[in-house]
N, C-alpha and C. Protein backbone atom coordinates (compact mmCIF):
# COMPACT_ATOMS: atom_id res chain seq x y z
N MET A 1 0.84 -1.20 0.00
CA MET A 1 0.00 0.00 0.00
C MET A 1 0.87 1.25 0.00
N PRO A 2 0.59 2.19 -0.93
CA PRO A 2 1.41 3.41 -0.98
C PRO A 2 1.16 4.33 0.20
N ASN A 3 2.23 4.89 0.74
CA ASN A 3 2.12 5.89 1.81
C ASN A 3 2.36 7.26 1.20
N ILE A 4 1.66 8.24 1.73
CA ILE A 4 1.82 9.60 1.21
C ILE A 4 1.88 10.57 2.39
N THR A 5 2.72 11.57 2.25
CA THR A 5 2.90 12.56 3.32
C THR A 5 1.67 13.44 3.46
N VAL A 6 1.34 13.74 4.71
CA VAL A 6 0.22 14.64 5.00
C VAL A 6 0.79 15.99 5.45
N PHE A 7 0.30 17.07 4.83
CA PHE A 7 0.75 18.41 5.17
C PHE A 7 -0.37 19.18 5.85
N ASP A 8 -0.01 20.26 6.53
CA ASP A 8 -1.04 21.18 7.00
C ASP A 8 -1.12 22.34 6.00
N MET A 9 -1.97 23.31 6.24
CA MET A 9 -2.16 24.40 5.28
C MET A 9 -0.95 25.32 5.17
N ALA A 10 -0.03 25.19 6.13
CA ALA A 10 1.20 25.98 6.09
C ALA A 10 2.32 25.25 5.36
N GLY A 11 2.03 24.04 4.87
CA GLY A 11 3.03 23.28 4.13
C GLY A 11 3.95 22.44 5.00
N LYS A 12 3.64 22.31 6.29
CA LYS A 12 4.48 21.51 7.20
C LYS A 12 4.05 20.05 7.19
N ASN A 13 5.03 19.17 7.28
CA ASN A 13 4.78 17.72 7.34
C ASN A 13 4.19 17.38 8.70
N VAL A 14 2.98 16.81 8.70
CA VAL A 14 2.33 16.47 9.98
C VAL A 14 2.04 14.97 10.10
N GLY A 15 2.61 14.18 9.20
CA GLY A 15 2.43 12.72 9.29
C GLY A 15 2.30 12.06 7.94
N GLU A 16 1.78 10.85 7.97
CA GLU A 16 1.59 10.07 6.74
C GLU A 16 0.22 9.40 6.76
N VAL A 17 -0.25 9.09 5.58
CA VAL A 17 -1.49 8.33 5.47
C VAL A 17 -1.25 7.19 4.48
N THR A 18 -1.80 6.04 4.80
CA THR A 18 -1.66 4.86 3.93
C THR A 18 -2.84 4.81 2.98
N LEU A 19 -2.54 4.80 1.69
CA LEU A 19 -3.59 4.78 0.67
C LEU A 19 -3.95 3.36 0.29
N SER A 20 -5.17 3.16 -0.09
CA SER A 20 -5.64 1.84 -0.50
C SER A 20 -5.08 1.48 -1.88
N ASP A 21 -4.52 0.27 -1.97
CA ASP A 21 -4.00 -0.21 -3.26
C ASP A 21 -5.11 -0.33 -4.29
N ALA A 22 -6.30 -0.68 -3.83
CA ALA A 22 -7.42 -0.90 -4.76
C ALA A 22 -7.89 0.39 -5.42
N ILE A 23 -7.56 1.54 -4.80
CA ILE A 23 -8.01 2.83 -5.34
C ILE A 23 -6.84 3.62 -5.91
N PHE A 24 -5.75 3.68 -5.17
CA PHE A 24 -4.62 4.54 -5.54
C PHE A 24 -3.40 3.76 -6.03
N GLY A 25 -3.51 2.43 -6.10
CA GLY A 25 -2.36 1.63 -6.54
C GLY A 25 -2.63 0.83 -7.80
N VAL A 26 -3.61 1.26 -8.58
CA VAL A 26 -3.97 0.57 -9.82
C VAL A 26 -3.05 1.01 -10.95
N THR A 27 -2.73 0.09 -11.85
CA THR A 27 -1.96 0.47 -13.05
C THR A 27 -2.86 1.30 -13.95
N PRO A 28 -2.52 2.56 -14.22
CA PRO A 28 -3.39 3.44 -15.02
C PRO A 28 -3.69 2.86 -16.40
N ASN A 29 -4.97 2.88 -16.76
CA ASN A 29 -5.42 2.38 -18.06
C ASN A 29 -5.76 3.59 -18.94
N ALA A 30 -4.83 3.95 -19.83
CA ALA A 30 -4.98 5.16 -20.64
C ALA A 30 -6.23 5.14 -21.54
N PRO A 31 -6.51 4.03 -22.27
CA PRO A 31 -7.70 4.02 -23.13
C PRO A 31 -9.00 4.24 -22.36
N VAL A 32 -9.09 3.66 -21.17
CA VAL A 32 -10.30 3.81 -20.36
C VAL A 32 -10.43 5.25 -19.87
N MET A 33 -9.32 5.87 -19.45
CA MET A 33 -9.36 7.26 -19.02
C MET A 33 -9.76 8.17 -20.17
N HIS A 34 -9.24 7.87 -21.36
CA HIS A 34 -9.60 8.66 -22.55
C HIS A 34 -11.09 8.54 -22.84
N ALA A 35 -11.62 7.33 -22.73
CA ALA A 35 -13.06 7.13 -22.96
C ALA A 35 -13.89 7.93 -21.96
N ALA A 36 -13.44 7.98 -20.70
CA ALA A 36 -14.17 8.72 -19.67
C ALA A 36 -14.13 10.22 -19.93
N VAL A 37 -12.99 10.73 -20.39
CA VAL A 37 -12.85 12.16 -20.68
C VAL A 37 -13.74 12.54 -21.87
N VAL A 38 -13.72 11.74 -22.93
CA VAL A 38 -14.55 12.02 -24.11
C VAL A 38 -16.04 11.99 -23.72
N ASN A 39 -16.41 11.03 -22.88
CA ASN A 39 -17.79 10.93 -22.41
C ASN A 39 -18.19 12.15 -21.60
N TYR A 40 -17.31 12.61 -20.72
CA TYR A 40 -17.60 13.79 -19.89
C TYR A 40 -17.80 15.03 -20.76
N LEU A 41 -16.90 15.23 -21.74
CA LEU A 41 -16.99 16.41 -22.60
C LEU A 41 -18.24 16.36 -23.48
N ALA A 42 -18.58 15.16 -23.95
CA ALA A 42 -19.79 15.02 -24.77
C ALA A 42 -21.04 15.35 -23.95
N ASN A 43 -21.04 14.91 -22.69
CA ASN A 43 -22.20 15.16 -21.84
C ASN A 43 -22.34 16.63 -21.44
N GLN A 44 -21.24 17.40 -21.57
CA GLN A 44 -21.30 18.83 -21.25
C GLN A 44 -21.87 19.66 -22.40
N ARG A 45 -21.92 19.09 -23.61
CA ARG A 45 -22.39 19.85 -24.76
C ARG A 45 -23.89 20.12 -24.65
N GLN A 46 -24.28 21.37 -24.90
CA GLN A 46 -25.68 21.74 -24.80
C GLN A 46 -26.49 21.26 -26.00
N GLY A 47 -25.87 21.22 -27.17
CA GLY A 47 -26.57 20.75 -28.36
C GLY A 47 -27.70 21.66 -28.78
N THR A 48 -27.56 22.98 -28.53
CA THR A 48 -28.65 23.91 -28.87
C THR A 48 -28.43 24.62 -30.20
N GLN A 49 -27.34 24.29 -30.91
CA GLN A 49 -27.08 24.95 -32.18
C GLN A 49 -28.16 24.60 -33.21
N SER A 50 -28.53 25.58 -34.02
CA SER A 50 -29.60 25.35 -34.99
C SER A 50 -29.46 26.29 -36.18
N THR A 51 -29.68 25.76 -37.37
CA THR A 51 -29.67 26.57 -38.59
C THR A 51 -31.03 26.48 -39.26
N LEU A 52 -31.33 27.46 -40.11
CA LEU A 52 -32.61 27.47 -40.81
C LEU A 52 -32.49 26.77 -42.16
N THR A 53 -33.41 25.86 -42.43
CA THR A 53 -33.45 25.20 -43.73
C THR A 53 -34.22 26.09 -44.70
N ARG A 54 -34.32 25.69 -45.96
CA ARG A 54 -35.02 26.51 -46.96
C ARG A 54 -36.50 26.66 -46.66
N THR A 55 -37.06 25.73 -45.88
CA THR A 55 -38.48 25.84 -45.52
C THR A 55 -38.69 26.81 -44.36
N GLU A 56 -37.62 27.16 -43.63
CA GLU A 56 -37.75 28.02 -42.46
C GLU A 56 -37.31 29.46 -42.70
N VAL A 57 -36.57 29.71 -43.80
CA VAL A 57 -36.13 31.06 -44.11
C VAL A 57 -37.32 31.82 -44.70
N SER A 58 -37.50 33.08 -44.29
CA SER A 58 -38.64 33.85 -44.79
C SER A 58 -38.42 34.24 -46.26
N GLY A 59 -39.49 34.29 -46.99
CA GLY A 59 -39.43 34.68 -48.40
C GLY A 59 -39.33 33.47 -49.31
N GLY A 60 -39.16 33.76 -50.59
CA GLY A 60 -38.95 32.67 -51.56
C GLY A 60 -40.19 31.93 -51.98
N GLY A 61 -41.37 32.51 -51.74
CA GLY A 61 -42.59 31.80 -52.10
C GLY A 61 -42.88 31.82 -53.59
N ARG A 62 -42.31 32.80 -54.31
CA ARG A 62 -42.60 32.93 -55.74
C ARG A 62 -41.43 32.39 -56.55
N LYS A 63 -41.72 31.72 -57.66
CA LYS A 63 -40.67 31.25 -58.57
C LYS A 63 -40.00 32.48 -59.19
N PRO A 64 -38.65 32.60 -59.10
CA PRO A 64 -37.99 33.84 -59.54
C PRO A 64 -38.13 34.16 -61.02
N TRP A 65 -38.16 33.18 -61.88
CA TRP A 65 -38.43 33.38 -63.30
C TRP A 65 -39.01 32.11 -63.90
N ARG A 66 -39.51 32.21 -65.11
CA ARG A 66 -40.18 31.05 -65.69
C ARG A 66 -39.19 29.92 -65.94
N GLN A 67 -39.72 28.73 -66.12
CA GLN A 67 -38.88 27.53 -66.20
C GLN A 67 -37.97 27.56 -67.42
N LYS A 68 -38.47 27.96 -68.55
CA LYS A 68 -37.68 27.84 -69.79
C LYS A 68 -37.55 29.19 -70.50
N GLY A 69 -36.52 29.27 -71.35
CA GLY A 69 -36.40 30.38 -72.28
C GLY A 69 -35.68 31.61 -71.77
N THR A 70 -35.18 31.62 -70.56
CA THR A 70 -34.53 32.82 -70.03
C THR A 70 -33.01 32.77 -70.18
N GLY A 71 -32.45 31.57 -70.38
CA GLY A 71 -31.00 31.43 -70.41
C GLY A 71 -30.42 31.16 -69.03
N HIS A 72 -31.23 31.34 -68.01
CA HIS A 72 -30.79 31.01 -66.65
C HIS A 72 -31.02 29.53 -66.35
N ALA A 73 -30.34 29.04 -65.34
CA ALA A 73 -30.67 27.72 -64.82
C ALA A 73 -32.03 27.79 -64.16
N ARG A 74 -32.77 26.70 -64.22
CA ARG A 74 -34.10 26.70 -63.62
C ARG A 74 -34.00 26.85 -62.10
N GLN A 75 -34.88 27.65 -61.54
CA GLN A 75 -34.91 27.91 -60.10
C GLN A 75 -36.35 27.89 -59.62
N GLY A 76 -36.55 27.33 -58.43
CA GLY A 76 -37.90 27.29 -57.89
C GLY A 76 -38.11 28.27 -56.75
N SER A 77 -36.99 28.73 -56.12
CA SER A 77 -37.12 29.63 -54.98
C SER A 77 -35.81 30.38 -54.77
N ILE A 78 -35.88 31.62 -54.33
CA ILE A 78 -34.65 32.37 -54.04
C ILE A 78 -34.15 32.06 -52.62
N ARG A 79 -34.78 31.10 -51.94
CA ARG A 79 -34.32 30.69 -50.61
C ARG A 79 -33.72 29.28 -50.63
N ALA A 80 -33.40 28.80 -51.85
CA ALA A 80 -32.69 27.52 -51.96
C ALA A 80 -31.25 27.71 -51.45
N PRO A 81 -30.55 26.66 -51.02
CA PRO A 81 -29.23 26.79 -50.40
C PRO A 81 -28.18 27.52 -51.22
N GLN A 82 -28.26 27.45 -52.57
CA GLN A 82 -27.24 28.09 -53.39
C GLN A 82 -27.41 29.60 -53.50
N TRP A 83 -28.52 30.14 -53.02
CA TRP A 83 -28.77 31.57 -53.09
C TRP A 83 -28.25 32.27 -51.84
N ARG A 84 -27.83 33.53 -52.03
CA ARG A 84 -27.49 34.38 -50.88
C ARG A 84 -28.75 34.59 -50.04
N HIS A 85 -28.60 34.47 -48.73
CA HIS A 85 -29.71 34.52 -47.77
C HIS A 85 -30.63 33.32 -47.89
N GLY A 86 -30.16 32.29 -48.58
CA GLY A 86 -30.97 31.07 -48.68
C GLY A 86 -30.82 30.21 -47.43
N GLY A 87 -31.58 29.13 -47.41
CA GLY A 87 -31.52 28.22 -46.27
C GLY A 87 -30.21 27.43 -46.26
N ILE A 88 -29.91 26.82 -45.13
CA ILE A 88 -28.69 26.01 -45.00
C ILE A 88 -29.02 24.55 -45.26
N ALA A 89 -28.25 23.92 -46.14
CA ALA A 89 -28.46 22.50 -46.43
C ALA A 89 -27.65 21.66 -45.44
N LEU A 90 -28.29 20.70 -44.83
CA LEU A 90 -27.62 19.74 -43.93
C LEU A 90 -26.92 20.41 -42.75
N GLY A 91 -27.47 21.55 -42.28
CA GLY A 91 -26.88 22.24 -41.14
C GLY A 91 -27.25 21.57 -39.82
N PRO A 92 -26.60 21.99 -38.73
CA PRO A 92 -26.90 21.39 -37.42
C PRO A 92 -28.27 21.77 -36.89
N LYS A 93 -28.87 20.84 -36.17
CA LYS A 93 -30.15 21.06 -35.51
C LYS A 93 -29.99 20.63 -34.05
N PRO A 94 -30.84 21.12 -33.14
CA PRO A 94 -30.72 20.72 -31.74
C PRO A 94 -30.70 19.20 -31.58
N ARG A 95 -29.75 18.73 -30.76
CA ARG A 95 -29.65 17.29 -30.53
C ARG A 95 -28.99 17.04 -29.18
N ASP A 96 -29.13 15.85 -28.70
CA ASP A 96 -28.54 15.45 -27.42
C ASP A 96 -27.28 14.65 -27.68
N TYR A 97 -26.13 15.17 -27.22
CA TYR A 97 -24.85 14.50 -27.45
C TYR A 97 -24.50 13.51 -26.34
N SER A 98 -25.27 13.50 -25.27
CA SER A 98 -24.88 12.69 -24.10
C SER A 98 -25.06 11.20 -24.35
N TYR A 99 -24.22 10.44 -23.68
CA TYR A 99 -24.34 8.98 -23.69
C TYR A 99 -23.73 8.46 -22.40
N SER A 100 -24.00 7.22 -22.07
CA SER A 100 -23.51 6.68 -20.79
C SER A 100 -22.43 5.63 -21.02
N LEU A 101 -21.55 5.52 -20.02
CA LEU A 101 -20.51 4.50 -20.04
C LEU A 101 -20.90 3.37 -19.10
N ASN A 102 -20.34 2.21 -19.35
CA ASN A 102 -20.51 1.07 -18.46
C ASN A 102 -20.00 1.44 -17.06
N LYS A 103 -20.70 1.01 -16.03
CA LYS A 103 -20.33 1.35 -14.65
C LYS A 103 -18.92 0.87 -14.31
N LYS A 104 -18.54 -0.32 -14.78
CA LYS A 104 -17.20 -0.84 -14.49
C LYS A 104 -16.12 0.02 -15.16
N VAL A 105 -16.42 0.50 -16.37
CA VAL A 105 -15.48 1.36 -17.09
C VAL A 105 -15.29 2.66 -16.34
N LYS A 106 -16.38 3.24 -15.83
CA LYS A 106 -16.30 4.51 -15.10
C LYS A 106 -15.48 4.35 -13.82
N ARG A 107 -15.69 3.24 -13.12
CA ARG A 107 -14.95 3.02 -11.87
C ARG A 107 -13.46 2.80 -12.15
N LEU A 108 -13.15 2.04 -13.20
CA LEU A 108 -11.75 1.80 -13.55
C LEU A 108 -11.07 3.08 -13.99
N ALA A 109 -11.80 3.93 -14.73
CA ALA A 109 -11.25 5.21 -15.18
C ALA A 109 -10.93 6.11 -13.98
N MET A 110 -11.82 6.14 -13.00
CA MET A 110 -11.60 6.96 -11.81
C MET A 110 -10.38 6.45 -11.02
N LYS A 111 -10.32 5.14 -10.84
CA LYS A 111 -9.18 4.56 -10.11
C LYS A 111 -7.87 4.80 -10.86
N SER A 112 -7.92 4.70 -12.17
CA SER A 112 -6.71 4.93 -12.98
C SER A 112 -6.25 6.38 -12.86
N ALA A 113 -7.20 7.32 -12.88
CA ALA A 113 -6.85 8.73 -12.78
C ALA A 113 -6.26 9.05 -11.41
N LEU A 114 -6.86 8.51 -10.35
CA LEU A 114 -6.34 8.73 -8.99
C LEU A 114 -4.96 8.13 -8.83
N SER A 115 -4.78 6.92 -9.37
CA SER A 115 -3.48 6.25 -9.26
C SER A 115 -2.40 6.99 -10.05
N SER A 116 -2.79 7.57 -11.19
CA SER A 116 -1.80 8.29 -12.00
C SER A 116 -1.29 9.53 -11.27
N LYS A 117 -2.15 10.17 -10.47
CA LYS A 117 -1.72 11.33 -9.69
C LYS A 117 -0.72 10.93 -8.62
N VAL A 118 -0.94 9.75 -8.01
CA VAL A 118 -0.01 9.25 -6.99
C VAL A 118 1.32 8.88 -7.64
N LEU A 119 1.27 8.21 -8.79
CA LEU A 119 2.50 7.81 -9.50
C LEU A 119 3.32 9.02 -9.94
N ASP A 120 2.65 10.08 -10.35
CA ASP A 120 3.34 11.28 -10.83
C ASP A 120 3.71 12.25 -9.70
N ASN A 121 3.42 11.84 -8.46
CA ASN A 121 3.71 12.69 -7.28
C ASN A 121 2.99 14.05 -7.35
N ASN A 122 1.79 14.03 -7.92
CA ASN A 122 1.01 15.26 -8.04
C ASN A 122 -0.17 15.30 -7.07
N MET A 123 -0.24 14.29 -6.20
CA MET A 123 -1.31 14.26 -5.20
C MET A 123 -0.77 14.80 -3.88
N ILE A 124 -1.47 15.78 -3.31
CA ILE A 124 -1.07 16.40 -2.05
C ILE A 124 -2.22 16.23 -1.06
N VAL A 125 -1.94 15.58 0.06
CA VAL A 125 -2.96 15.39 1.10
C VAL A 125 -2.75 16.43 2.19
N VAL A 126 -3.82 17.14 2.50
CA VAL A 126 -3.77 18.18 3.54
C VAL A 126 -4.60 17.71 4.73
N ASP A 127 -4.02 17.86 5.91
CA ASP A 127 -4.66 17.39 7.15
C ASP A 127 -6.08 17.93 7.28
N LYS A 128 -6.23 19.25 7.12
CA LYS A 128 -7.56 19.86 7.19
C LYS A 128 -7.54 21.16 6.40
N ILE A 129 -8.50 21.31 5.48
CA ILE A 129 -8.61 22.54 4.70
C ILE A 129 -9.79 23.32 5.26
N ALA A 130 -9.48 24.40 5.98
CA ALA A 130 -10.54 25.19 6.60
C ALA A 130 -10.06 26.61 6.81
N THR A 131 -10.99 27.54 6.88
CA THR A 131 -10.69 28.94 7.17
C THR A 131 -11.85 29.54 7.94
N GLU A 132 -11.55 30.51 8.78
CA GLU A 132 -12.59 31.11 9.61
C GLU A 132 -13.29 32.28 8.93
N GLU A 133 -12.75 32.72 7.80
CA GLU A 133 -13.36 33.86 7.10
C GLU A 133 -13.24 33.69 5.59
N PHE A 134 -14.01 34.48 4.85
CA PHE A 134 -13.95 34.46 3.40
C PHE A 134 -12.72 35.27 2.98
N LYS A 135 -11.63 34.59 2.65
CA LYS A 135 -10.41 35.32 2.32
C LYS A 135 -9.60 34.55 1.28
N THR A 136 -9.48 35.15 0.10
CA THR A 136 -8.73 34.52 -0.99
C THR A 136 -7.26 34.35 -0.61
N LYS A 137 -6.74 35.30 0.15
CA LYS A 137 -5.33 35.27 0.54
C LYS A 137 -4.97 33.98 1.29
N THR A 138 -5.92 33.46 2.07
CA THR A 138 -5.68 32.22 2.83
C THR A 138 -5.40 31.05 1.90
N ILE A 139 -6.20 30.94 0.84
CA ILE A 139 -6.03 29.84 -0.11
C ILE A 139 -4.76 30.04 -0.94
N VAL A 140 -4.49 31.29 -1.31
CA VAL A 140 -3.28 31.59 -2.09
C VAL A 140 -2.03 31.19 -1.30
N SER A 141 -2.01 31.53 -0.01
CA SER A 141 -0.85 31.20 0.82
C SER A 141 -0.73 29.69 1.01
N MET A 142 -1.87 28.99 1.10
CA MET A 142 -1.83 27.52 1.21
C MET A 142 -1.23 26.90 -0.04
N LEU A 143 -1.71 27.35 -1.21
CA LEU A 143 -1.20 26.81 -2.46
C LEU A 143 0.29 27.09 -2.62
N SER A 144 0.72 28.27 -2.21
CA SER A 144 2.14 28.62 -2.28
C SER A 144 2.96 27.73 -1.37
N ALA A 145 2.46 27.48 -0.15
CA ALA A 145 3.18 26.65 0.82
C ALA A 145 3.27 25.20 0.36
N LEU A 146 2.25 24.76 -0.38
CA LEU A 146 2.24 23.37 -0.86
C LEU A 146 2.96 23.21 -2.20
N GLY A 147 3.42 24.31 -2.78
CA GLY A 147 4.12 24.25 -4.06
C GLY A 147 3.19 24.00 -5.23
N ALA A 148 1.95 24.45 -5.11
CA ALA A 148 0.97 24.25 -6.18
C ALA A 148 0.70 25.57 -6.88
N GLN A 149 1.70 26.05 -7.63
CA GLN A 149 1.57 27.36 -8.29
C GLN A 149 0.76 27.28 -9.58
N LYS A 150 0.70 26.11 -10.20
CA LYS A 150 -0.01 25.98 -11.47
C LYS A 150 -1.49 25.66 -11.22
N LYS A 151 -2.13 25.00 -12.16
CA LYS A 151 -3.54 24.65 -12.02
C LYS A 151 -3.71 23.65 -10.87
N ALA A 152 -4.65 23.94 -9.98
CA ALA A 152 -4.84 23.09 -8.81
C ALA A 152 -6.31 22.75 -8.61
N LEU A 153 -6.55 21.48 -8.27
CA LEU A 153 -7.90 21.01 -7.96
C LEU A 153 -7.94 20.70 -6.47
N ILE A 154 -8.84 21.37 -5.74
CA ILE A 154 -8.97 21.16 -4.30
C ILE A 154 -10.21 20.31 -4.05
N VAL A 155 -10.02 19.14 -3.43
CA VAL A 155 -11.12 18.21 -3.18
C VAL A 155 -11.51 18.26 -1.71
N LEU A 156 -12.77 18.60 -1.45
CA LEU A 156 -13.28 18.70 -0.08
C LEU A 156 -14.21 17.54 0.23
N PRO A 157 -14.29 17.11 1.50
CA PRO A 157 -15.20 16.01 1.85
C PRO A 157 -16.66 16.44 1.84
N GLU A 158 -16.91 17.72 2.11
CA GLU A 158 -18.28 18.25 2.14
C GLU A 158 -18.25 19.74 1.79
N VAL A 159 -19.41 20.30 1.57
CA VAL A 159 -19.51 21.71 1.17
C VAL A 159 -18.98 22.62 2.28
N ASP A 160 -18.05 23.50 1.90
CA ASP A 160 -17.53 24.52 2.81
C ASP A 160 -17.52 25.83 2.03
N GLU A 161 -18.56 26.64 2.23
CA GLU A 161 -18.73 27.87 1.47
C GLU A 161 -17.53 28.81 1.59
N LYS A 162 -16.91 28.85 2.77
CA LYS A 162 -15.78 29.75 2.97
C LYS A 162 -14.59 29.37 2.09
N ILE A 163 -14.32 28.07 2.00
CA ILE A 163 -13.22 27.61 1.14
C ILE A 163 -13.57 27.78 -0.33
N ILE A 164 -14.78 27.39 -0.70
CA ILE A 164 -15.21 27.45 -2.11
C ILE A 164 -15.18 28.89 -2.63
N ARG A 165 -15.73 29.83 -1.85
CA ARG A 165 -15.79 31.22 -2.30
C ARG A 165 -14.43 31.91 -2.20
N SER A 166 -13.60 31.46 -1.26
CA SER A 166 -12.26 32.04 -1.13
C SER A 166 -11.37 31.64 -2.30
N ALA A 167 -11.62 30.46 -2.88
CA ALA A 167 -10.81 29.98 -3.99
C ALA A 167 -11.37 30.35 -5.35
N ALA A 168 -12.60 30.89 -5.36
CA ALA A 168 -13.30 31.13 -6.63
C ALA A 168 -12.61 32.15 -7.52
N ASN A 169 -11.91 33.14 -6.92
CA ASN A 169 -11.29 34.21 -7.71
C ASN A 169 -9.88 33.88 -8.19
N ILE A 170 -9.34 32.75 -7.80
CA ILE A 170 -7.96 32.42 -8.14
C ILE A 170 -7.91 31.73 -9.51
N PRO A 171 -7.21 32.31 -10.48
CA PRO A 171 -7.15 31.70 -11.82
C PRO A 171 -6.50 30.30 -11.75
N GLY A 172 -7.12 29.34 -12.45
CA GLY A 172 -6.54 28.00 -12.53
C GLY A 172 -6.80 27.14 -11.31
N VAL A 173 -7.66 27.59 -10.39
CA VAL A 173 -7.96 26.82 -9.18
C VAL A 173 -9.45 26.48 -9.16
N LYS A 174 -9.74 25.22 -8.85
CA LYS A 174 -11.14 24.79 -8.78
C LYS A 174 -11.34 23.96 -7.52
N THR A 175 -12.49 24.11 -6.88
CA THR A 175 -12.84 23.27 -5.73
C THR A 175 -13.95 22.32 -6.15
N THR A 176 -13.91 21.13 -5.60
CA THR A 176 -14.93 20.13 -5.91
C THR A 176 -15.13 19.24 -4.69
N LEU A 177 -16.16 18.43 -4.74
CA LEU A 177 -16.47 17.51 -3.64
C LEU A 177 -16.22 16.08 -4.09
N VAL A 178 -16.12 15.19 -3.13
CA VAL A 178 -15.87 13.78 -3.45
C VAL A 178 -16.96 13.23 -4.36
N ASN A 179 -18.22 13.59 -4.08
CA ASN A 179 -19.33 13.02 -4.86
C ASN A 179 -19.52 13.67 -6.23
N THR A 180 -18.78 14.76 -6.52
CA THR A 180 -18.87 15.38 -7.85
C THR A 180 -17.54 15.30 -8.60
N LEU A 181 -16.59 14.58 -8.05
CA LEU A 181 -15.27 14.44 -8.68
C LEU A 181 -15.39 13.65 -9.99
N ASN A 182 -14.65 14.07 -11.01
CA ASN A 182 -14.69 13.35 -12.28
C ASN A 182 -13.29 13.21 -12.86
N VAL A 183 -13.13 12.27 -13.78
CA VAL A 183 -11.82 11.94 -14.36
C VAL A 183 -11.24 13.14 -15.10
N TYR A 184 -12.08 13.88 -15.82
CA TYR A 184 -11.58 15.02 -16.60
C TYR A 184 -10.89 16.04 -15.70
N ASP A 185 -11.52 16.40 -14.58
CA ASP A 185 -10.93 17.38 -13.68
C ASP A 185 -9.63 16.87 -13.06
N ILE A 186 -9.62 15.60 -12.69
CA ILE A 186 -8.40 15.03 -12.08
C ILE A 186 -7.22 15.15 -13.03
N LEU A 187 -7.44 14.81 -14.30
CA LEU A 187 -6.36 14.82 -15.29
C LEU A 187 -6.05 16.23 -15.79
N ASN A 188 -7.03 17.13 -15.72
CA ASN A 188 -6.86 18.46 -16.29
C ASN A 188 -6.04 19.39 -15.41
N TYR A 189 -5.98 19.10 -14.11
CA TYR A 189 -5.27 19.98 -13.18
C TYR A 189 -3.91 19.37 -12.80
N ASP A 190 -2.91 20.24 -12.67
CA ASP A 190 -1.55 19.78 -12.37
C ASP A 190 -1.44 19.24 -10.95
N SER A 191 -1.98 19.97 -9.99
CA SER A 191 -1.91 19.56 -8.59
C SER A 191 -3.27 19.06 -8.11
N PHE A 192 -3.24 17.92 -7.43
CA PHE A 192 -4.46 17.29 -6.92
C PHE A 192 -4.40 17.37 -5.39
N ILE A 193 -5.05 18.40 -4.83
CA ILE A 193 -4.97 18.66 -3.39
C ILE A 193 -6.23 18.11 -2.72
N VAL A 194 -6.04 17.14 -1.82
CA VAL A 194 -7.17 16.45 -1.22
C VAL A 194 -7.12 16.58 0.30
N ALA A 195 -8.25 16.92 0.90
CA ALA A 195 -8.34 16.93 2.36
C ALA A 195 -8.27 15.48 2.84
N LYS A 196 -7.67 15.28 4.01
CA LYS A 196 -7.49 13.92 4.54
C LYS A 196 -8.83 13.19 4.68
N ASP A 197 -9.87 13.89 5.13
CA ASP A 197 -11.19 13.27 5.26
C ASP A 197 -11.76 12.88 3.89
N ALA A 198 -11.40 13.64 2.86
CA ALA A 198 -11.87 13.32 1.50
C ALA A 198 -11.22 12.05 0.99
N VAL A 199 -9.97 11.80 1.39
CA VAL A 199 -9.28 10.56 0.98
C VAL A 199 -10.04 9.36 1.53
N ALA A 200 -10.43 9.45 2.81
CA ALA A 200 -11.19 8.35 3.43
C ALA A 200 -12.52 8.14 2.71
N LYS A 201 -13.18 9.23 2.32
CA LYS A 201 -14.45 9.11 1.61
C LYS A 201 -14.27 8.48 0.23
N LEU A 202 -13.17 8.88 -0.46
CA LEU A 202 -12.90 8.30 -1.78
C LEU A 202 -12.71 6.79 -1.67
N GLU A 203 -11.97 6.36 -0.65
CA GLU A 203 -11.74 4.92 -0.47
C GLU A 203 -13.03 4.20 -0.11
N GLU A 204 -13.89 4.89 0.61
CA GLU A 204 -15.18 4.28 0.98
C GLU A 204 -16.09 4.14 -0.24
N VAL A 205 -16.10 5.16 -1.10
CA VAL A 205 -16.98 5.15 -2.27
C VAL A 205 -16.52 4.14 -3.32
N TYR A 206 -15.20 4.10 -3.59
CA TYR A 206 -14.68 3.28 -4.69
C TYR A 206 -14.05 1.96 -4.24
N ALA A 207 -14.19 1.61 -2.98
CA ALA A 207 -13.62 0.36 -2.49
C ALA A 207 -14.28 -0.84 -3.16
């Protein structure tokens, strides 16, 4: 079982925690993680794009000229796709891009993503992430002490408005909860900062 150092918010070493092999010691499966990321991005698409076809564009009710004898190509409407201001042929219409993955695939993808953070030494466990007031400076100083200057994902065991709102203004920093954690966010952020209680919850959920 992998051991990982536990820090406090000031960046001091306050002990170690033993991680579960079943969650944090899995050999990362790249194809499965890729499938989970593609699925997540597809499910985020709104699918509200829409274009007007020739039947929906206003105008064009009259035949522009007679069928024969003009020297022009025959035309039935000035709202056909080849005309300026005409309708769009084969354009996008509202649709649902979402689809679901097999439950085993989703669990393996999550375990692979968590394990990859441990293997790359990008997982930071903090004894307790808390603040007594709404202050961005508190989170900035914590990130600086932990050496997380780049993009950072902070995982909390439960909703803490003071932490969430204090981190909201910091570019490249996102807070999330154990029950809303996803593979895309884990892989997208350089530093994976997890509260010690959140580690226990992750092991409980994915055991």
